Amino acid sequence: LLIITALLAETYFKYQANLSLLEIHRDLVLAYTANAALIAKRVEYGLDNQIALEQAEALILTAEEDVINFEKERALNESQLKILMGLGPDDTRTFEPPTARFDRPFPLPENI
């Protein structure tokens, strides 16, 4: 039982990390797309060359590939969590990442 609990916790932490990385890489795709649009304008006005545009487009493709890989990892983590919890892989439950709330002060221990 202890091993299953440890595996469940480890898988959940991996799931949380993958969600964060997925969000970061989705933002990267947007940033790289905006950058490529800017470089395309620079190429249009002769301020940059085609190589810079192709490099910017390559960054977009790499970031999109990373997004796909993190989505696969997320799906794998969800399946692993369901199995470790004794649920079937076809179970429709979804997992929500916890959010930290700091809307009220909390005391520090006195013996720090």
Protein backbone atom coordinates (compact mmCIF):
# COMPACT_ATOMS: atom_id res chain seq x y z
CA LEU A 1 0.00 0.00 0.00
CA LEU A 2 2.87 2.36 0.79
CA ILE A 3 4.44 1.74 -2.63
CA ILE A 4 1.16 2.50 -4.40
CA THR A 5 0.73 5.68 -2.35
CA ALA A 6 4.27 6.79 -3.21
CA LEU A 7 3.72 6.04 -6.91
CA LEU A 8 0.45 7.94 -6.82
CA ALA A 9 2.13 10.99 -5.28
CA GLU A 10 5.05 10.84 -7.73
CA THR A 11 2.72 10.53 -10.71
CA TYR A 12 0.59 13.43 -9.48
CA PHE A 13 3.66 15.65 -9.12
CA LYS A 14 4.75 14.70 -12.64
CA TYR A 15 1.23 15.52 -13.81
CA GLN A 16 1.43 18.96 -12.21
CA ALA A 17 4.86 19.60 -13.72
CA ASN A 18 3.63 18.58 -17.17
CA LEU A 19 0.65 20.91 -16.88
CA SER A 20 2.96 23.81 -16.06
CA LEU A 21 5.33 22.95 -18.89
CA LEU A 22 2.40 22.58 -21.27
CA GLU A 23 1.15 26.06 -20.41
CA ILE A 24 4.64 27.52 -20.82
CA HIS A 25 5.12 25.93 -24.22
CA ARG A 26 1.70 27.05 -25.42
CA ASP A 27 2.73 30.60 -24.51
CA LEU A 28 6.03 30.03 -26.33
CA VAL A 29 4.16 29.07 -29.50
CA LEU A 30 2.24 32.35 -29.30
CA ALA A 31 5.41 34.37 -28.65
CA TYR A 32 7.33 32.65 -31.45
CA THR A 33 4.41 33.20 -33.82
CA ALA A 34 4.36 36.91 -33.03
CA ASN A 35 8.13 37.05 -33.45
CA ALA A 36 7.91 35.33 -36.84
CA ALA A 37 5.27 37.82 -37.96
CA LEU A 38 7.57 40.67 -36.95
CA ILE A 39 10.50 39.11 -38.80
CA ALA A 40 8.30 38.59 -41.87
CA LYS A 41 7.57 42.34 -41.87
CA ARG A 42 11.29 43.03 -41.50
CA VAL A 43 12.00 40.77 -44.50
CA GLU A 44 9.28 42.53 -46.47
CA TYR A 45 10.97 45.90 -45.88
CA GLY A 46 14.48 44.57 -46.47
CA LEU A 47 15.64 44.84 -42.87
CA ASP A 48 16.15 41.10 -42.43
CA ASN A 49 16.81 38.10 -44.64
CA GLN A 50 14.87 34.93 -45.40
CA ILE A 51 17.15 32.82 -43.19
CA ALA A 52 16.03 34.72 -40.08
CA LEU A 53 12.40 34.08 -41.03
CA GLU A 54 13.02 30.38 -41.55
CA GLN A 55 14.78 30.16 -38.19
CA ALA A 56 11.81 31.85 -36.52
CA GLU A 57 9.42 29.43 -38.21
CA ALA A 58 11.58 26.50 -37.07
CA LEU A 59 11.24 27.72 -33.48
CA ILE A 60 7.46 27.69 -33.87
CA LEU A 61 7.51 24.11 -35.14
CA THR A 62 9.78 22.99 -32.30
CA ALA A 63 7.54 24.61 -29.70
CA GLU A 64 4.44 23.05 -31.29
CA GLU A 65 6.12 19.65 -31.19
CA ASP A 66 6.90 20.20 -27.50
CA VAL A 67 3.24 21.06 -26.85
CA ILE A 68 2.16 17.79 -28.48
CA ASN A 69 4.70 15.83 -26.41
CA PHE A 70 3.55 17.46 -23.16
CA GLU A 71 -0.08 16.74 -24.07
CA LYS A 72 0.83 13.09 -24.57
CA GLU A 73 2.62 13.07 -21.20
CA ARG A 74 -0.41 14.67 -19.55
CA ALA A 75 -2.70 12.00 -20.98
CA LEU A 76 -0.30 9.27 -19.88
CA ASN A 77 -0.12 10.74 -16.37
CA GLU A 78 -3.91 10.90 -16.17
CA SER A 79 -4.16 7.23 -17.16
CA GLN A 80 -1.51 6.27 -14.62
CA LEU A 81 -3.32 8.21 -11.90
CA LYS A 82 -6.61 6.49 -12.72
CA ILE A 83 -4.98 3.05 -12.61
CA LEU A 84 -3.21 3.80 -9.32
CA MET A 85 -6.52 4.99 -7.86
CA GLY A 86 -8.24 1.76 -8.92
CA LEU A 87 -10.26 3.40 -11.68
CA GLY A 88 -10.55 2.16 -15.23
CA PRO A 89 -8.79 4.03 -18.04
CA ASP A 90 -12.19 4.77 -19.55
CA ASP A 91 -13.36 6.61 -16.43
CA THR A 92 -14.46 10.13 -17.35
CA ARG A 93 -13.11 11.86 -14.25
CA THR A 94 -10.66 14.65 -14.83
CA PHE A 95 -7.93 15.94 -12.56
CA GLU A 96 -7.67 19.57 -11.58
CA PRO A 97 -4.35 20.97 -10.48
CA PRO A 98 -4.42 22.41 -6.97
CA THR A 99 -4.14 26.14 -6.63
CA ALA A 100 -2.40 27.81 -3.75
CA ARG A 101 -4.48 30.42 -1.98
CA PHE A 102 -2.87 33.25 -0.08
CA ASP A 103 -5.95 35.33 0.61
CA ARG A 104 -5.37 35.32 4.37
CA PRO A 105 -2.21 35.43 6.44
CA PHE A 106 -0.92 32.30 8.06
CA PRO A 107 1.28 32.23 11.16
CA LEU A 108 4.86 31.06 11.09
CA PRO A 109 6.05 28.54 13.67
CA GLU A 110 7.64 30.15 16.70
CA ASN A 111 10.58 27.75 16.87
CA ILE A 112 12.19 28.46 13.51
